Structure formats: structure tokens, C-alpha cells
Amino acid sequence: MEAQKSVPLNRLKLGATGRVGVLLPDARSRGRLADLGIVYGTEIRLLYKSPSGDPSAYLVRGAVIALRADTAEKILMF
């Protein structure tokens, strides 16, 4: 069986969808992300990227949420 490859959330391509595999942020950020519904197994789709690339808008559990690249890179998707 082949292991699933994980990719940071900020590297998803526009319109791509993935599921949260691992959260790397510190305890404070982890709690904030959980409040937003970003927990293991959550499906997230990249909707928009700002012209500068930061922040980006993601569809999470029916809500559009903007995340900065430094936060998104700590959310590993599969």
C-alpha cells in the first residue's frame, strides 16, 4: 500500500480540495483553527488567492475563511 503524500494548505492549487491530515501550529493557533472548524479530516477548498498571494480564501464547512500563508503552511493536507 502506498503512503498518502501530504502537502501544506498554502500549496493547494486554485479550486483544489484536500482533507486536513496534520495541524502543526502552537496550542493557541490550534484552538483558533478548531473554532473555525479546521480539524483532522475537514475538507478544505482553495477559492481565491489575493494578487500578492497572501491571504487566501478557503471554503471550510460551508464558510469562506481567509488564512495567511504562514498559518496555512502549518496545515498539512492529504
C-alpha atoms as a PDB file:
ATOM      1  CA  MET A   1       0.000   0.000   0.000  1.00  0.00           C
ATOM      2  CA  GLU A   2       1.321   3.448  -0.937  1.00  0.00           C
ATOM      3  CA  ALA A   3       1.547   6.095   1.795  1.00  0.00           C
ATOM      4  CA  GLN A   4      -0.517   9.231   1.278  1.00  0.00           C
ATOM      5  CA  LYS A   5       1.515  12.296   0.423  1.00  0.00           C
ATOM      6  CA  SER A   6       0.767  15.410   2.437  1.00  0.00           C
ATOM      7  CA  VAL A   7       1.019  18.961   1.135  1.00  0.00           C
ATOM      8  CA  PRO A   8       0.742  22.246   3.077  1.00  0.00           C
ATOM      9  CA  LEU A   9      -2.614  24.004   2.649  1.00  0.00           C
ATOM     10  CA  ASN A  10      -0.953  27.094   1.174  1.00  0.00           C
ATOM     11  CA  ARG A  11       0.324  24.979  -1.752  1.00  0.00           C
ATOM     12  CA  LEU A  12      -3.080  23.800  -2.969  1.00  0.00           C
ATOM     13  CA  LYS A  13      -3.901  24.869  -6.497  1.00  0.00           C
ATOM     14  CA  LEU A  14      -6.834  27.190  -7.125  1.00  0.00           C
ATOM     15  CA  GLY A  15     -10.070  25.178  -6.955  1.00  0.00           C
ATOM     16  CA  ALA A  16      -8.336  22.114  -5.449  1.00  0.00           C
ATOM     17  CA  THR A  17      -9.757  20.312  -2.435  1.00  0.00           C
ATOM     18  CA  GLY A  18      -7.990  18.355   0.279  1.00  0.00           C
ATOM     19  CA  ARG A  19      -8.566  16.972   3.744  1.00  0.00           C
ATOM     20  CA  VAL A  20      -6.738  18.073   6.882  1.00  0.00           C
ATOM     21  CA  GLY A  21      -4.200  15.472   7.951  1.00  0.00           C
ATOM     22  CA  VAL A  22      -1.948  17.212  10.470  1.00  0.00           C
ATOM     23  CA  LEU A  23      -2.052  20.573  12.270  1.00  0.00           C
ATOM     24  CA  LEU A  24       1.388  21.931  13.183  1.00  0.00           C
ATOM     25  CA  PRO A  25       0.531  25.306  14.842  1.00  0.00           C
ATOM     26  CA  ASP A  26       1.140  26.087  18.504  1.00  0.00           C
ATOM     27  CA  ALA A  27      -1.609  25.458  21.055  1.00  0.00           C
ATOM     28  CA  ARG A  28      -3.161  28.940  20.701  1.00  0.00           C
ATOM     29  CA  SER A  29      -3.383  28.693  16.896  1.00  0.00           C
ATOM     30  CA  ARG A  30      -4.651  25.110  17.080  1.00  0.00           C
ATOM     31  CA  GLY A  31      -7.561  26.266  19.248  1.00  0.00           C
ATOM     32  CA  ARG A  32      -8.376  29.114  16.873  1.00  0.00           C
ATOM     33  CA  LEU A  33      -8.319  26.759  13.884  1.00  0.00           C
ATOM     34  CA  ALA A  34     -10.561  24.284  15.721  1.00  0.00           C
ATOM     35  CA  ASP A  35     -13.018  27.136  16.404  1.00  0.00           C
ATOM     36  CA  LEU A  36     -13.083  27.740  12.634  1.00  0.00           C
ATOM     37  CA  GLY A  37     -13.837  24.051  12.020  1.00  0.00           C
ATOM     38  CA  ILE A  38     -10.343  23.164  10.811  1.00  0.00           C
ATOM     39  CA  VAL A  39      -9.667  19.797  12.468  1.00  0.00           C
ATOM     40  CA  TYR A  40      -8.417  16.394  11.287  1.00  0.00           C
ATOM     41  CA  GLY A  41     -10.408  15.177   8.286  1.00  0.00           C
ATOM     42  CA  THR A  42     -12.039  18.514   7.421  1.00  0.00           C
ATOM     43  CA  GLU A  43     -12.406  19.090   3.680  1.00  0.00           C
ATOM     44  CA  ILE A  44     -10.995  22.442   2.533  1.00  0.00           C
ATOM     45  CA  ARG A  45     -11.125  24.009  -0.941  1.00  0.00           C
ATOM     46  CA  LEU A  46      -8.976  26.913  -2.128  1.00  0.00           C
ATOM     47  CA  LEU A  47     -11.340  29.505  -3.606  1.00  0.00           C
ATOM     48  CA  TYR A  48      -9.267  32.646  -4.113  1.00  0.00           C
ATOM     49  CA  LYS A  49      -5.728  33.942  -3.788  1.00  0.00           C
ATOM     50  CA  SER A  50      -5.041  37.633  -3.378  1.00  0.00           C
ATOM     51  CA  PRO A  51      -2.812  39.156  -6.086  1.00  0.00           C
ATOM     52  CA  SER A  52       0.119  39.097  -3.654  1.00  0.00           C
ATOM     53  CA  GLY A  53      -0.718  35.515  -2.659  1.00  0.00           C
ATOM     54  CA  ASP A  54      -1.417  36.363   0.969  1.00  0.00           C
ATOM     55  CA  PRO A  55      -4.043  35.887   2.359  1.00  0.00           C
ATOM     56  CA  SER A  56      -6.040  33.232   0.532  1.00  0.00           C
ATOM     57  CA  ALA A  57      -9.736  32.367   0.876  1.00  0.00           C
ATOM     58  CA  TYR A  58     -10.785  28.799   1.628  1.00  0.00           C
ATOM     59  CA  LEU A  59     -14.161  27.070   1.800  1.00  0.00           C
ATOM     60  CA  VAL A  60     -14.391  25.285   5.160  1.00  0.00           C
ATOM     61  CA  ARG A  61     -17.648  23.583   6.211  1.00  0.00           C
ATOM     62  CA  GLY A  62     -19.731  25.978   4.097  1.00  0.00           C
ATOM     63  CA  ALA A  63     -17.989  29.159   5.266  1.00  0.00           C
ATOM     64  CA  VAL A  64     -15.385  31.207   3.414  1.00  0.00           C
ATOM     65  CA  ILE A  65     -12.342  31.792   5.631  1.00  0.00           C
ATOM     66  CA  ALA A  66      -9.233  33.858   4.866  1.00  0.00           C
ATOM     67  CA  LEU A  67      -5.933  32.487   6.153  1.00  0.00           C
ATOM     68  CA  ARG A  68      -2.462  33.968   5.922  1.00  0.00           C
ATOM     69  CA  ALA A  69       0.219  31.881   4.242  1.00  0.00           C
ATOM     70  CA  ASP A  70       2.220  31.453   7.465  1.00  0.00           C
ATOM     71  CA  THR A  71      -0.804  29.801   9.113  1.00  0.00           C
ATOM     72  CA  ALA A  72      -1.850  27.784   6.058  1.00  0.00           C
ATOM     73  CA  GLU A  73       1.618  26.284   5.638  1.00  0.00           C
ATOM     74  CA  LYS A  74       1.246  24.619   9.039  1.00  0.00           C
ATOM     75  CA  ILE A  75      -1.887  22.716   7.972  1.00  0.00           C
ATOM     76  CA  LEU A  76      -0.892  19.555   6.119  1.00  0.00           C
ATOM     77  CA  MET A  77      -3.442  18.167   3.683  1.00  0.00           C
ATOM     78  CA  PHE A  78      -3.912  14.734   2.130  1.00  0.00           C
END
